């Protein structure tokens, strides 16, 4: 096993999780679409350098057989960028651990479905009973982690006053965006789940482009098309919803780390490009999750990177354990 690749994959899982909180914080003072566009756009610079170095300053481009790439494969960037936007929106509302759990679960479930029917570039593989059991357990783990029981009031005068105050605050501001707090935010759960499916689709599409070019070119092209997609989203947001903001004001208010969400997303793409095939899908996924899950729990526990403070409960720990067992069942089957 490539120990350096495994370690870098672990780190990429950590940084990718932190990236969601950073982008969410940036989006709170600007807009979530701008935060996603900024993160993706800066990443283009680094991935273009990576591609130019790998292709010997573009001299290998003539060897690429791009006309043979299926037409639908060119939309990988659209799916990836939309997924980043959904993660940027949902993380400040749900917390890191719920978002990562939904993301991982839906990625695994989508992979099983796409493999079963040979969709979006994935090789058709008949699902085994163990994979199906693992997929069902993944759905159960999402419910266990996401549905948080309401805390019963304790007969104490001071606590009762605090509860009454908290009950009146239906909207909790994150940045300038009012966020409605509920025990089960269905729309945001759906957004996080959709992001998992979109990322899986993006990976399959990018893989098709890589087959006829190179891994670095595919990553660069996906990042470029994703940035253009987000620019269109941003333009529509400005023209229709009139959502405008002052970047100079945001720079004064926001902490410096909120502007560096692109590091996590770009590092993840780069590591995936070089080590996913070397480590194999099972080992790569295992080390990625090993970085994502503990980081998400720590972010929730201490409110790191703008993530809402959510103490770790027994129910959530059980859900995380169930999630990890489900992932093992799906990957080894």
C-alpha atoms as a PDB file:
ATOM      1  CA  UNK A   1       0.000   0.000   0.000  1.00  0.00           C
ATOM      2  CA  UNK A   2       1.181   3.528  -0.800  1.00  0.00           C
ATOM      3  CA  UNK A   3       1.524   5.002   2.705  1.00  0.00           C
ATOM      4  CA  UNK A   4       2.109   8.542   1.430  1.00  0.00           C
ATOM      5  CA  UNK A   5      -0.980   8.324  -0.760  1.00  0.00           C
ATOM      6  CA  UNK A   6      -3.028   6.947   2.142  1.00  0.00           C
ATOM      7  CA  UNK A   7      -1.859   9.758   4.439  1.00  0.00           C
ATOM      8  CA  UNK A   8      -2.581  12.441   1.836  1.00  0.00           C
ATOM      9  CA  UNK A   9      -6.036  10.946   1.240  1.00  0.00           C
ATOM     10  CA  UNK A  10      -6.707  11.124   4.987  1.00  0.00           C
ATOM     11  CA  UNK A  11      -5.638  14.783   4.999  1.00  0.00           C
ATOM     12  CA  UNK A  12      -7.805  15.532   1.964  1.00  0.00           C
ATOM     13  CA  UNK A  13     -10.830  14.142   3.834  1.00  0.00           C
ATOM     14  CA  UNK A  14     -10.079  16.486   6.747  1.00  0.00           C
ATOM     15  CA  UNK A  15      -9.592  19.543   4.532  1.00  0.00           C
ATOM     16  CA  UNK A  16     -12.658  18.797   2.407  1.00  0.00           C
ATOM     17  CA  UNK A  17     -14.799  18.686   5.564  1.00  0.00           C
ATOM     18  CA  UNK A  18     -13.376  21.980   6.844  1.00  0.00           C
ATOM     19  CA  UNK A  19     -13.945  23.482   3.397  1.00  0.00           C
ATOM     20  CA  UNK A  20     -17.734  23.145   3.772  1.00  0.00           C
ATOM     21  CA  UNK A  21     -17.680  25.206   6.967  1.00  0.00           C
ATOM     22  CA  UNK A  22     -15.333  27.812   5.482  1.00  0.00           C
ATOM     23  CA  UNK A  23     -17.485  28.283   2.388  1.00  0.00           C
ATOM     24  CA  UNK A  24     -20.623  28.412   4.524  1.00  0.00           C
ATOM     25  CA  UNK A  25     -19.129  31.169   6.688  1.00  0.00           C
ATOM     26  CA  UNK A  26     -18.051  33.146   3.628  1.00  0.00           C
ATOM     27  CA  UNK A  27     -21.505  32.701   2.111  1.00  0.00           C
ATOM     28  CA  UNK A  28     -23.157  34.010   5.280  1.00  0.00           C
ATOM     29  CA  UNK A  29     -21.678  37.489   4.761  1.00  0.00           C
ATOM     30  CA  UNK A  30     -21.755  37.497   0.953  1.00  0.00           C
ATOM     31  CA  UNK A  31     -23.893  34.838  -0.733  1.00  0.00           C
ATOM     32  CA  UNK A  32     -23.620  31.070  -0.836  1.00  0.00           C
ATOM     33  CA  UNK A  33     -23.326  31.162  -4.628  1.00  0.00           C
ATOM     34  CA  UNK A  34     -20.472  33.666  -4.463  1.00  0.00           C
ATOM     35  CA  UNK A  35     -18.664  31.574  -1.849  1.00  0.00           C
ATOM     36  CA  UNK A  36     -18.901  28.465  -4.032  1.00  0.00           C
ATOM     37  CA  UNK A  37     -17.820  30.402  -7.140  1.00  0.00           C
ATOM     38  CA  UNK A  38     -14.843  31.920  -5.344  1.00  0.00           C
ATOM     39  CA  UNK A  39     -13.726  28.531  -4.021  1.00  0.00           C
ATOM     40  CA  UNK A  40     -14.080  26.837  -7.405  1.00  0.00           C
ATOM     41  CA  UNK A  41     -12.563  29.752  -9.350  1.00  0.00           C
ATOM     42  CA  UNK A  42      -9.365  29.959  -7.301  1.00  0.00           C
ATOM     43  CA  UNK A  43      -9.039  26.180  -7.570  1.00  0.00           C
ATOM     44  CA  UNK A  44      -8.868  26.513 -11.369  1.00  0.00           C
ATOM     45  CA  UNK A  45      -5.505  28.287 -11.036  1.00  0.00           C
ATOM     46  CA  UNK A  46      -3.901  25.468  -9.068  1.00  0.00           C
ATOM     47  CA  UNK A  47      -5.389  22.676 -11.188  1.00  0.00           C
ATOM     48  CA  UNK A  48      -4.282  24.401 -14.399  1.00  0.00           C
ATOM     49  CA  UNK A  49      -0.715  24.456 -13.079  1.00  0.00           C
ATOM     50  CA  UNK A  50      -1.026  20.791 -12.131  1.00  0.00           C
ATOM     51  CA  UNK A  51      -2.250  19.897 -15.620  1.00  0.00           C
ATOM     52  CA  UNK A  52       0.455  21.945 -17.393  1.00  0.00           C
ATOM     53  CA  UNK A  53       3.198  20.280 -15.349  1.00  0.00           C
ATOM     54  CA  UNK A  54       1.762  16.811 -15.935  1.00  0.00           C
ATOM     55  CA  UNK A  55       1.279  17.394 -19.682  1.00  0.00           C
ATOM     56  CA  UNK A  56       4.720  18.991 -20.160  1.00  0.00           C
ATOM     57  CA  UNK A  57       3.255  22.450 -20.696  1.00  0.00           C
ATOM     58  CA  UNK A  58       0.417  21.101 -22.830  1.00  0.00           C
ATOM     59  CA  UNK A  59       2.651  19.284 -25.327  1.00  0.00           C
ATOM     60  CA  UNK A  60       0.742  16.009 -24.782  1.00  0.00           C
ATOM     61  CA  UNK A  61      -2.640  17.503 -25.681  1.00  0.00           C
ATOM     62  CA  UNK A  62      -2.330  16.293 -29.285  1.00  0.00           C
ATOM     63  CA  UNK A  63      -2.546  12.723 -27.992  1.00  0.00           C
ATOM     64  CA  UNK A  64      -5.952  13.327 -26.461  1.00  0.00           C
ATOM     65  CA  UNK A  65      -8.897  11.755 -28.258  1.00  0.00           C
ATOM     66  CA  UNK A  66     -11.595  14.115 -27.030  1.00  0.00           C
ATOM     67  CA  UNK A  67     -14.066  13.628 -29.935  1.00  0.00           C
ATOM     68  CA  UNK A  68     -14.719  10.107 -28.620  1.00  0.00           C
ATOM     69  CA  UNK A  69     -15.825  11.397 -25.238  1.00  0.00           C
ATOM     70  CA  UNK A  70     -19.618  10.866 -24.744  1.00  0.00           C
ATOM     71  CA  UNK A  71     -21.488  14.178 -24.915  1.00  0.00           C
ATOM     72  CA  UNK A  72     -22.963  13.816 -21.428  1.00  0.00           C
ATOM     73  CA  UNK A  73     -19.497  13.483 -19.902  1.00  0.00           C
ATOM     74  CA  UNK A  74     -18.859  17.184 -20.443  1.00  0.00           C
ATOM     75  CA  UNK A  75     -21.401  18.014 -17.732  1.00  0.00           C
ATOM     76  CA  UNK A  76     -19.284  16.646 -14.878  1.00  0.00           C
ATOM     77  CA  UNK A  77     -18.330  20.157 -13.830  1.00  0.00           C
ATOM     78  CA  UNK A  78     -21.977  21.207 -13.677  1.00  0.00           C
ATOM     79  CA  UNK A  79     -22.762  18.339 -11.293  1.00  0.00           C
ATOM     80  CA  UNK A  80     -19.658  18.938  -9.166  1.00  0.00           C
ATOM     81  CA  UNK A  81     -20.234  22.681  -8.861  1.00  0.00           C
ATOM     82  CA  UNK A  82     -23.905  22.200  -7.973  1.00  0.00           C
ATOM     83  CA  UNK A  83     -22.869  19.724  -5.273  1.00  0.00           C
ATOM     84  CA  UNK A  84     -20.393  22.222  -3.774  1.00  0.00           C
ATOM     85  CA  UNK A  85     -23.120  24.879  -3.707  1.00  0.00           C
ATOM     86  CA  UNK A  86     -25.542  22.537  -1.923  1.00  0.00           C
ATOM     87  CA  UNK A  87     -22.879  21.617   0.652  1.00  0.00           C
ATOM     88  CA  UNK A  88     -22.075  25.307   1.201  1.00  0.00           C
ATOM     89  CA  UNK A  89     -25.755  26.027   1.881  1.00  0.00           C
ATOM     90  CA  UNK A  90     -26.531  22.993   4.060  1.00  0.00           C
ATOM     91  CA  UNK A  91     -23.451  22.843   6.333  1.00  0.00           C
ATOM     92  CA  UNK A  92     -24.189  26.032   8.349  1.00  0.00           C
ATOM     93  CA  UNK A  93     -27.749  24.832   8.892  1.00  0.00           C
ATOM     94  CA  UNK A  94     -27.270  21.146   9.675  1.00  0.00           C
ATOM     95  CA  UNK A  95     -23.766  20.903  11.085  1.00  0.00           C
ATOM     96  CA  UNK A  96     -20.760  19.046   9.705  1.00  0.00           C
ATOM     97  CA  UNK A  97     -21.517  15.518  10.917  1.00  0.00           C
ATOM     98  CA  UNK A  98     -25.052  15.368   9.472  1.00  0.00           C
ATOM     99  CA  UNK A  99     -23.892  16.771   6.131  1.00  0.00           C
ATOM    100  CA  UNK A 100     -20.897  14.419   5.868  1.00  0.00           C
ATOM    101  CA  UNK A 101     -23.063  11.445   6.869  1.00  0.00           C
ATOM    102  CA  UNK A 102     -25.647  12.280   4.203  1.00  0.00           C
ATOM    103  CA  UNK A 103     -22.907  12.903   1.662  1.00  0.00           C
ATOM    104  CA  UNK A 104     -21.078   9.625   2.277  1.00  0.00           C
ATOM    105  CA  UNK A 105     -24.272   7.584   2.455  1.00  0.00           C
ATOM    106  CA  UNK A 106     -25.722   8.956  -0.777  1.00  0.00           C
ATOM    107  CA  UNK A 107     -22.408   8.569  -2.584  1.00  0.00           C
ATOM    108  CA  UNK A 108     -22.301   4.889  -1.660  1.00  0.00           C
ATOM    109  CA  UNK A 109     -25.985   4.298  -2.490  1.00  0.00           C
ATOM    110  CA  UNK A 110     -25.650   6.149  -5.803  1.00  0.00           C
ATOM    111  CA  UNK A 111     -22.565   4.104  -6.639  1.00  0.00           C
ATOM    112  CA  UNK A 112     -24.508   0.867  -6.093  1.00  0.00           C
ATOM    113  CA  UNK A 113     -27.366   2.103  -8.315  1.00  0.00           C
ATOM    114  CA  UNK A 114     -25.063   3.409 -11.057  1.00  0.00           C
ATOM    115  CA  UNK A 115     -23.016   0.189 -10.986  1.00  0.00           C
ATOM    116  CA  UNK A 116     -26.167  -1.919 -11.211  1.00  0.00           C
ATOM    117  CA  UNK A 117     -27.366  -0.233 -14.417  1.00  0.00           C
ATOM    118  CA  UNK A 118     -24.017   0.924 -15.833  1.00  0.00           C
ATOM    119  CA  UNK A 119     -24.983   4.609 -15.724  1.00  0.00           C
ATOM    120  CA  UNK A 120     -22.857   7.783 -16.193  1.00  0.00           C
ATOM    121  CA  UNK A 121     -19.726   5.916 -17.191  1.00  0.00           C
ATOM    122  CA  UNK A 122     -19.645   3.318 -14.424  1.00  0.00           C
ATOM    123  CA  UNK A 123     -18.980  -0.300 -15.350  1.00  0.00           C
ATOM    124  CA  UNK A 124     -22.097  -2.436 -14.895  1.00  0.00           C
ATOM    125  CA  UNK A 125     -21.782  -4.688 -11.871  1.00  0.00           C
ATOM    126  CA  UNK A 126     -24.612  -6.809 -10.462  1.00  0.00           C
ATOM    127  CA  UNK A 127     -25.182  -5.855  -6.792  1.00  0.00           C
ATOM    128  CA  UNK A 128     -24.633  -8.593  -4.234  1.00  0.00           C
ATOM    129  CA  UNK A 129     -27.024  -9.194  -1.309  1.00  0.00           C
ATOM    130  CA  UNK A 130     -24.334  -7.776   1.011  1.00  0.00           C
ATOM    131  CA  UNK A 131     -24.275  -4.513  -0.968  1.00  0.00           C
ATOM    132  CA  UNK A 132     -28.045  -4.246  -0.798  1.00  0.00           C
ATOM    133  CA  UNK A 133     -28.002  -4.818   2.965  1.00  0.00           C
ATOM    134  CA  UNK A 134     -25.289  -2.183   3.314  1.00  0.00           C
ATOM    135  CA  UNK A 135     -27.350   0.288   1.251  1.00  0.00           C
ATOM    136  CA  UNK A 136     -30.393  -0.215   3.484  1.00  0.00           C
ATOM    137  CA  UNK A 137     -28.249   0.294   6.600  1.00  0.00           C
ATOM    138  CA  UNK A 138     -26.890   3.510   5.068  1.00  0.00           C
ATOM    139  CA  UNK A 139     -30.438   4.863   4.835  1.00  0.00           C
ATOM    140  CA  UNK A 140     -31.079   3.868   8.447  1.00  0.00           C
ATOM    141  CA  UNK A 141     -27.846   5.573   9.554  1.00  0.00           C
ATOM    142  CA  UNK A 142     -28.937   8.824   7.870  1.00  0.00           C
ATOM    143  CA  UNK A 143     -32.203   8.774   9.811  1.00  0.00           C
ATOM    144  CA  UNK A 144     -30.462   7.988  13.113  1.00  0.00           C
ATOM    145  CA  UNK A 145     -27.943  10.810  12.685  1.00  0.00           C
ATOM    146  CA  UNK A 146     -30.286  13.412  11.176  1.00  0.00           C
ATOM    147  CA  UNK A 147     -33.407  13.160  13.339  1.00  0.00           C
ATOM    148  CA  UNK A 148     -32.587  14.837  16.623  1.00  0.00           C
ATOM    149  CA  UNK A 149     -35.123  14.400  19.431  1.00  0.00           C
ATOM    150  CA  UNK A 150     -36.299  17.584  21.091  1.00  0.00           C
ATOM    151  CA  UNK A 151     -34.910  18.068  24.571  1.00  0.00           C
ATOM    152  CA  UNK A 152     -37.548  17.953  27.281  1.00  0.00           C
ATOM    153  CA  UNK A 153     -37.648  20.898  29.641  1.00  0.00           C
ATOM    154  CA  UNK A 154     -36.274  20.415  33.131  1.00  0.00           C
ATOM    155  CA  UNK A 155     -38.344  21.742  36.063  1.00  0.00           C
ATOM    156  CA  UNK A 156     -35.924  24.499  36.969  1.00  0.00           C
ATOM    157  CA  UNK A 157     -36.850  28.192  36.986  1.00  0.00           C
ATOM    158  CA  UNK A 158     -33.614  29.378  35.330  1.00  0.00           C
ATOM    159  CA  UNK A 159     -33.639  26.635  32.748  1.00  0.00           C
ATOM    160  CA  UNK A 160     -37.328  27.252  32.053  1.00  0.00           C
ATOM    161  CA  UNK A 161     -36.597  30.913  31.299  1.00  0.00           C
ATOM    162  CA  UNK A 162     -33.779  29.922  28.969  1.00  0.00           C
ATOM    163  CA  UNK A 163     -36.033  27.456  27.178  1.00  0.00           C
ATOM    164  CA  UNK A 164     -38.721  30.087  26.738  1.00  0.00           C
ATOM    165  CA  UNK A 165     -36.180  32.496  25.274  1.00  0.00           C
ATOM    166  CA  UNK A 166     -34.809  29.881  22.916  1.00  0.00           C
ATOM    167  CA  UNK A 167     -38.316  28.910  21.799  1.00  0.00           C
ATOM    168  CA  UNK A 168     -38.961  32.503  20.751  1.00  0.00           C
ATOM    169  CA  UNK A 169     -35.832  32.542  18.571  1.00  0.00           C
ATOM    170  CA  UNK A 170     -37.068  30.586  15.582  1.00  0.00           C
ATOM    171  CA  UNK A 171     -34.508  32.191  13.316  1.00  0.00           C
ATOM    172  CA  UNK A 172     -30.843  32.019  14.185  1.00  0.00           C
ATOM    173  CA  UNK A 173     -28.675  34.299  12.038  1.00  0.00           C
ATOM    174  CA  UNK A 174     -25.515  32.943  10.460  1.00  0.00           C
ATOM    175  CA  UNK A 175     -23.835  35.900   8.829  1.00  0.00           C
ATOM    176  CA  UNK A 176     -26.646  37.909   7.285  1.00  0.00           C
ATOM    177  CA  UNK A 177     -28.743  34.883   6.395  1.00  0.00           C
ATOM    178  CA  UNK A 178     -31.625  33.945   8.763  1.00  0.00           C
ATOM    179  CA  UNK A 179     -31.696  30.202   9.301  1.00  0.00           C
ATOM    180  CA  UNK A 180     -34.749  28.397  10.643  1.00  0.00           C
ATOM    181  CA  UNK A 181     -33.817  25.803  13.253  1.00  0.00           C
ATOM    182  CA  UNK A 182     -35.884  22.620  13.480  1.00  0.00           C
ATOM    183  CA  UNK A 183     -35.287  19.131  14.808  1.00  0.00           C
ATOM    184  CA  UNK A 184     -35.403  17.792  11.232  1.00  0.00           C
ATOM    185  CA  UNK A 185     -34.677  20.216   8.378  1.00  0.00           C
ATOM    186  CA  UNK A 186     -36.015  18.243   5.439  1.00  0.00           C
ATOM    187  CA  UNK A 187     -34.965  20.646   2.704  1.00  0.00           C
ATOM    188  CA  UNK A 188     -31.375  20.812   3.887  1.00  0.00           C
ATOM    189  CA  UNK A 189     -31.191  17.037   4.347  1.00  0.00           C
ATOM    190  CA  UNK A 190     -32.390  16.677   0.756  1.00  0.00           C
ATOM    191  CA  UNK A 191     -29.730  19.184  -0.376  1.00  0.00           C
ATOM    192  CA  UNK A 192     -26.931  17.233   1.333  1.00  0.00           C
ATOM    193  CA  UNK A 193     -28.212  13.930  -0.093  1.00  0.00           C
ATOM    194  CA  UNK A 194     -28.454  15.447  -3.567  1.00  0.00           C
ATOM    195  CA  UNK A 195     -24.861  16.627  -3.279  1.00  0.00           C
ATOM    196  CA  UNK A 196     -23.768  13.020  -2.719  1.00  0.00           C
ATOM    197  CA  UNK A 197     -25.521  11.868  -5.901  1.00  0.00           C
ATOM    198  CA  UNK A 198     -24.189  14.797  -7.934  1.00  0.00           C
ATOM    199  CA  UNK A 199     -20.605  14.180  -6.790  1.00  0.00           C
ATOM    200  CA  UNK A 200     -20.880  10.525  -7.779  1.00  0.00           C
ATOM    201  CA  UNK A 201     -22.230  11.518 -11.198  1.00  0.00           C
ATOM    202  CA  UNK A 202     -19.429  14.060 -11.580  1.00  0.00           C
ATOM    203  CA  UNK A 203     -16.820  11.404 -10.809  1.00  0.00           C
ATOM    204  CA  UNK A 204     -18.240   9.047 -13.430  1.00  0.00           C
ATOM    205  CA  UNK A 205     -18.379  11.773 -16.072  1.00  0.00           C
ATOM    206  CA  UNK A 206     -14.872  13.008 -15.297  1.00  0.00           C
ATOM    207  CA  UNK A 207     -13.651   9.427 -15.523  1.00  0.00           C
ATOM    208  CA  UNK A 208     -14.933   9.200 -19.099  1.00  0.00           C
ATOM    209  CA  UNK A 209     -13.030  12.356 -20.057  1.00  0.00           C
ATOM    210  CA  UNK A 210      -9.895  10.996 -18.372  1.00  0.00           C
ATOM    211  CA  UNK A 211     -10.101   7.778 -20.416  1.00  0.00           C
ATOM    212  CA  UNK A 212      -9.605   9.803 -23.599  1.00  0.00           C
ATOM    213  CA  UNK A 213      -7.149  12.380 -22.216  1.00  0.00           C
ATOM    214  CA  UNK A 214      -5.481  12.373 -18.791  1.00  0.00           C
ATOM    215  CA  UNK A 215      -6.517  12.552 -15.145  1.00  0.00           C
ATOM    216  CA  UNK A 216      -5.095  16.035 -14.643  1.00  0.00           C
ATOM    217  CA  UNK A 217      -6.752  17.399 -17.796  1.00  0.00           C
ATOM    218  CA  UNK A 218     -10.075  15.908 -16.727  1.00  0.00           C
ATOM    219  CA  UNK A 219      -9.793  17.523 -13.274  1.00  0.00           C
ATOM    220  CA  UNK A 220      -8.849  20.873 -14.822  1.00  0.00           C
ATOM    221  CA  UNK A 221     -11.701  20.723 -17.346  1.00  0.00           C
ATOM    222  CA  UNK A 222     -14.215  19.749 -14.648  1.00  0.00           C
ATOM    223  CA  UNK A 223     -13.090  22.676 -12.482  1.00  0.00           C
ATOM    224  CA  UNK A 224     -13.334  25.112 -15.412  1.00  0.00           C
ATOM    225  CA  UNK A 225     -16.843  24.020 -16.416  1.00  0.00           C
ATOM    226  CA  UNK A 226     -17.915  24.032 -12.764  1.00  0.00           C
ATOM    227  CA  UNK A 227     -16.670  27.598 -12.317  1.00  0.00           C
ATOM    228  CA  UNK A 228     -18.547  28.752 -15.422  1.00  0.00           C
ATOM    229  CA  UNK A 229     -21.703  27.045 -14.125  1.00  0.00           C
ATOM    230  CA  UNK A 230     -21.437  28.848 -10.794  1.00  0.00           C
ATOM    231  CA  UNK A 231     -20.822  32.149 -12.586  1.00  0.00           C
ATOM    232  CA  UNK A 232     -24.139  31.645 -14.399  1.00  0.00           C
ATOM    233  CA  UNK A 233     -25.831  30.876 -11.064  1.00  0.00           C
ATOM    234  CA  UNK A 234     -24.265  34.038  -9.600  1.00  0.00           C
ATOM    235  CA  UNK A 235     -25.438  36.174 -12.523  1.00  0.00           C
ATOM    236  CA  UNK A 236     -28.995  34.869 -12.193  1.00  0.00           C
ATOM    237  CA  UNK A 237     -28.875  35.531  -8.447  1.00  0.00           C
ATOM    238  CA  UNK A 238     -27.822  39.127  -9.058  1.00  0.00           C
ATOM    239  CA  UNK A 239     -30.270  39.827 -11.885  1.00  0.00           C
ATOM    240  CA  UNK A 240     -33.410  38.092 -10.601  1.00  0.00           C
ATOM    241  CA  UNK A 241     -33.098  38.033  -6.819  1.00  0.00           C
ATOM    242  CA  UNK A 242     -31.083  41.287  -6.583  1.00  0.00           C
ATOM    243  CA  UNK A 243     -28.842  39.646  -3.988  1.00  0.00           C
ATOM    244  CA  UNK A 244     -25.937  42.078  -3.843  1.00  0.00           C
ATOM    245  CA  UNK A 245     -23.203  42.498  -1.264  1.00  0.00           C
ATOM    246  CA  UNK A 246     -20.044  44.442  -0.576  1.00  0.00           C
ATOM    247  CA  UNK A 247     -16.896  42.299  -0.794  1.00  0.00           C
ATOM    248  CA  UNK A 248     -14.885  45.032   0.913  1.00  0.00           C
ATOM    249  CA  UNK A 249     -17.271  44.972   3.872  1.00  0.00           C
ATOM    250  CA  UNK A 250     -17.140  41.176   4.027  1.00  0.00           C
ATOM    251  CA  UNK A 251     -13.327  41.275   4.057  1.00  0.00           C
ATOM    252  CA  UNK A 252     -13.403  43.514   7.113  1.00  0.00           C
ATOM    253  CA  UNK A 253     -15.913  41.381   9.017  1.00  0.00           C
ATOM    254  CA  UNK A 254     -14.994  37.818   8.101  1.00  0.00           C
ATOM    255  CA  UNK A 255     -12.096  35.913   9.678  1.00  0.00           C
ATOM    256  CA  UNK A 256      -9.178  35.261   7.329  1.00  0.00           C
ATOM    257  CA  UNK A 257      -9.728  31.481   7.253  1.00  0.00           C
ATOM    258  CA  UNK A 258     -13.166  31.904   5.666  1.00  0.00           C
ATOM    259  CA  UNK A 259     -11.493  32.875   2.376  1.00  0.00           C
ATOM    260  CA  UNK A 260      -9.398  29.711   2.113  1.00  0.00           C
ATOM    261  CA  UNK A 261     -12.092  27.085   1.480  1.00  0.00           C
ATOM    262  CA  UNK A 262     -10.587  26.516  -1.974  1.00  0.00           C
ATOM    263  CA  UNK A 263      -7.604  24.762  -0.371  1.00  0.00           C
ATOM    264  CA  UNK A 264      -9.684  21.808   0.807  1.00  0.00           C
ATOM    265  CA  UNK A 265     -11.636  21.357  -2.424  1.00  0.00           C
ATOM    266  CA  UNK A 266      -8.579  21.763  -4.690  1.00  0.00           C
ATOM    267  CA  UNK A 267      -6.412  19.477  -2.575  1.00  0.00           C
ATOM    268  CA  UNK A 268      -9.130  16.814  -2.628  1.00  0.00           C
ATOM    269  CA  UNK A 269      -9.400  16.952  -6.433  1.00  0.00           C
ATOM    270  CA  UNK A 270      -5.624  16.767  -6.829  1.00  0.00           C
ATOM    271  CA  UNK A 271      -5.235  13.818  -4.457  1.00  0.00           C
ATOM    272  CA  UNK A 272      -8.148  12.006  -6.102  1.00  0.00           C
ATOM    273  CA  UNK A 273      -6.494  12.479  -9.483  1.00  0.00           C
ATOM    274  CA  UNK A 274      -3.208  10.892  -8.470  1.00  0.00           C
ATOM    275  CA  UNK A 275      -4.053   8.361  -5.766  1.00  0.00           C
ATOM    276  CA  UNK A 276      -7.623   7.087  -6.242  1.00  0.00           C
ATOM    277  CA  UNK A 277      -6.536   4.575  -8.877  1.00  0.00           C
ATOM    278  CA  UNK A 278      -3.284   3.693  -7.086  1.00  0.00           C
ATOM    279  CA  UNK A 279      -4.935   2.922  -3.764  1.00  0.00           C
ATOM    280  CA  UNK A 280      -8.049   1.358  -5.262  1.00  0.00           C
ATOM    281  CA  UNK A 281     -11.610   2.483  -4.625  1.00  0.00           C
ATOM    282  CA  UNK A 282     -11.988   0.600  -1.331  1.00  0.00           C
ATOM    283  CA  UNK A 283      -8.792   1.859   0.325  1.00  0.00           C
ATOM    284  CA  UNK A 284      -9.228   5.379  -1.045  1.00  0.00           C
ATOM    285  CA  UNK A 285     -12.800   5.569   0.279  1.00  0.00           C
ATOM    286  CA  UNK A 286     -11.758   4.109   3.646  1.00  0.00           C
ATOM    287  CA  UNK A 287      -8.995   6.679   4.258  1.00  0.00           C
ATOM    288  CA  UNK A 288     -11.174   9.509   2.958  1.00  0.00           C
ATOM    289  CA  UNK A 289     -13.958   8.649   5.408  1.00  0.00           C
ATOM    290  CA  UNK A 290     -11.391   8.200   8.182  1.00  0.00           C
ATOM    291  CA  UNK A 291     -10.538  11.862   7.695  1.00  0.00           C
ATOM    292  CA  UNK A 292     -14.065  13.156   7.153  1.00  0.00           C
ATOM    293  CA  UNK A 293     -16.062  11.607   9.994  1.00  0.00           C
ATOM    294  CA  UNK A 294     -13.836  12.489  13.012  1.00  0.00           C
ATOM    295  CA  UNK A 295     -13.297  15.995  11.623  1.00  0.00           C
ATOM    296  CA  UNK A 296     -17.050  16.502  11.244  1.00  0.00           C
ATOM    297  CA  UNK A 297     -17.707  15.393  14.833  1.00  0.00           C
ATOM    298  CA  UNK A 298     -14.964  17.694  16.178  1.00  0.00           C
ATOM    299  CA  UNK A 299     -16.302  20.652  14.151  1.00  0.00           C
ATOM    300  CA  UNK A 300     -19.794  20.100  15.573  1.00  0.00           C
ATOM    301  CA  UNK A 301     -18.560  19.545  19.111  1.00  0.00           C
ATOM    302  CA  UNK A 302     -16.540  22.778  19.265  1.00  0.00           C
ATOM    303  CA  UNK A 303     -18.202  24.893  16.555  1.00  0.00           C
ATOM    304  CA  UNK A 304     -15.072  25.052  14.396  1.00  0.00           C
ATOM    305  CA  UNK A 305     -14.970  26.827  10.999  1.00  0.00           C
ATOM    306  CA  UNK A 306     -18.360  28.465  11.409  1.00  0.00           C
ATOM    307  CA  UNK A 307     -20.186  25.168  11.926  1.00  0.00           C
ATOM    308  CA  UNK A 308     -23.106  25.433  14.407  1.00  0.00           C
ATOM    309  CA  UNK A 309     -22.245  24.062  17.836  1.00  0.00           C
ATOM    310  CA  UNK A 310     -23.806  20.620  18.310  1.00  0.00           C
ATOM    311  CA  UNK A 311     -22.732  18.394  21.153  1.00  0.00           C
ATOM    312  CA  UNK A 312     -22.068  14.768  20.343  1.00  0.00           C
ATOM    313  CA  UNK A 313     -24.904  12.539  21.553  1.00  0.00           C
ATOM    314  CA  UNK A 314     -25.146   8.782  22.006  1.00  0.00           C
ATOM    315  CA  UNK A 315     -27.666   8.666  19.155  1.00  0.00           C
ATOM    316  CA  UNK A 316     -25.248  10.400  16.810  1.00  0.00           C
ATOM    317  CA  UNK A 317     -22.348   8.126  17.790  1.00  0.00           C
ATOM    318  CA  UNK A 318     -24.527   5.066  17.127  1.00  0.00           C
ATOM    319  CA  UNK A 319     -25.494   6.529  13.763  1.00  0.00           C
ATOM    320  CA  UNK A 320     -21.840   7.159  12.828  1.00  0.00           C
ATOM    321  CA  UNK A 321     -20.878   3.587  13.804  1.00  0.00           C
ATOM    322  CA  UNK A 322     -23.792   2.251  11.754  1.00  0.00           C
ATOM    323  CA  UNK A 323     -22.645   4.412   8.846  1.00  0.00           C
ATOM    324  CA  UNK A 324     -19.080   3.065   8.977  1.00  0.00           C
ATOM    325  CA  UNK A 325     -20.312  -0.545   9.166  1.00  0.00           C
ATOM    326  CA  UNK A 326     -22.587   0.112   6.174  1.00  0.00           C
ATOM    327  CA  UNK A 327     -19.730   1.580   4.132  1.00  0.00           C
ATOM    328  CA  UNK A 328     -17.583  -1.478   4.895  1.00  0.00           C
ATOM    329  CA  UNK A 329     -20.387  -3.798   3.755  1.00  0.00           C
ATOM    330  CA  UNK A 330     -20.857  -1.919   0.498  1.00  0.00           C
ATOM    331  CA  UNK A 331     -17.158  -1.619  -0.346  1.00  0.00           C
ATOM    332  CA  UNK A 332     -16.065  -5.180   0.438  1.00  0.00           C
ATOM    333  CA  UNK A 333     -19.085  -6.857  -1.230  1.00  0.00           C
END
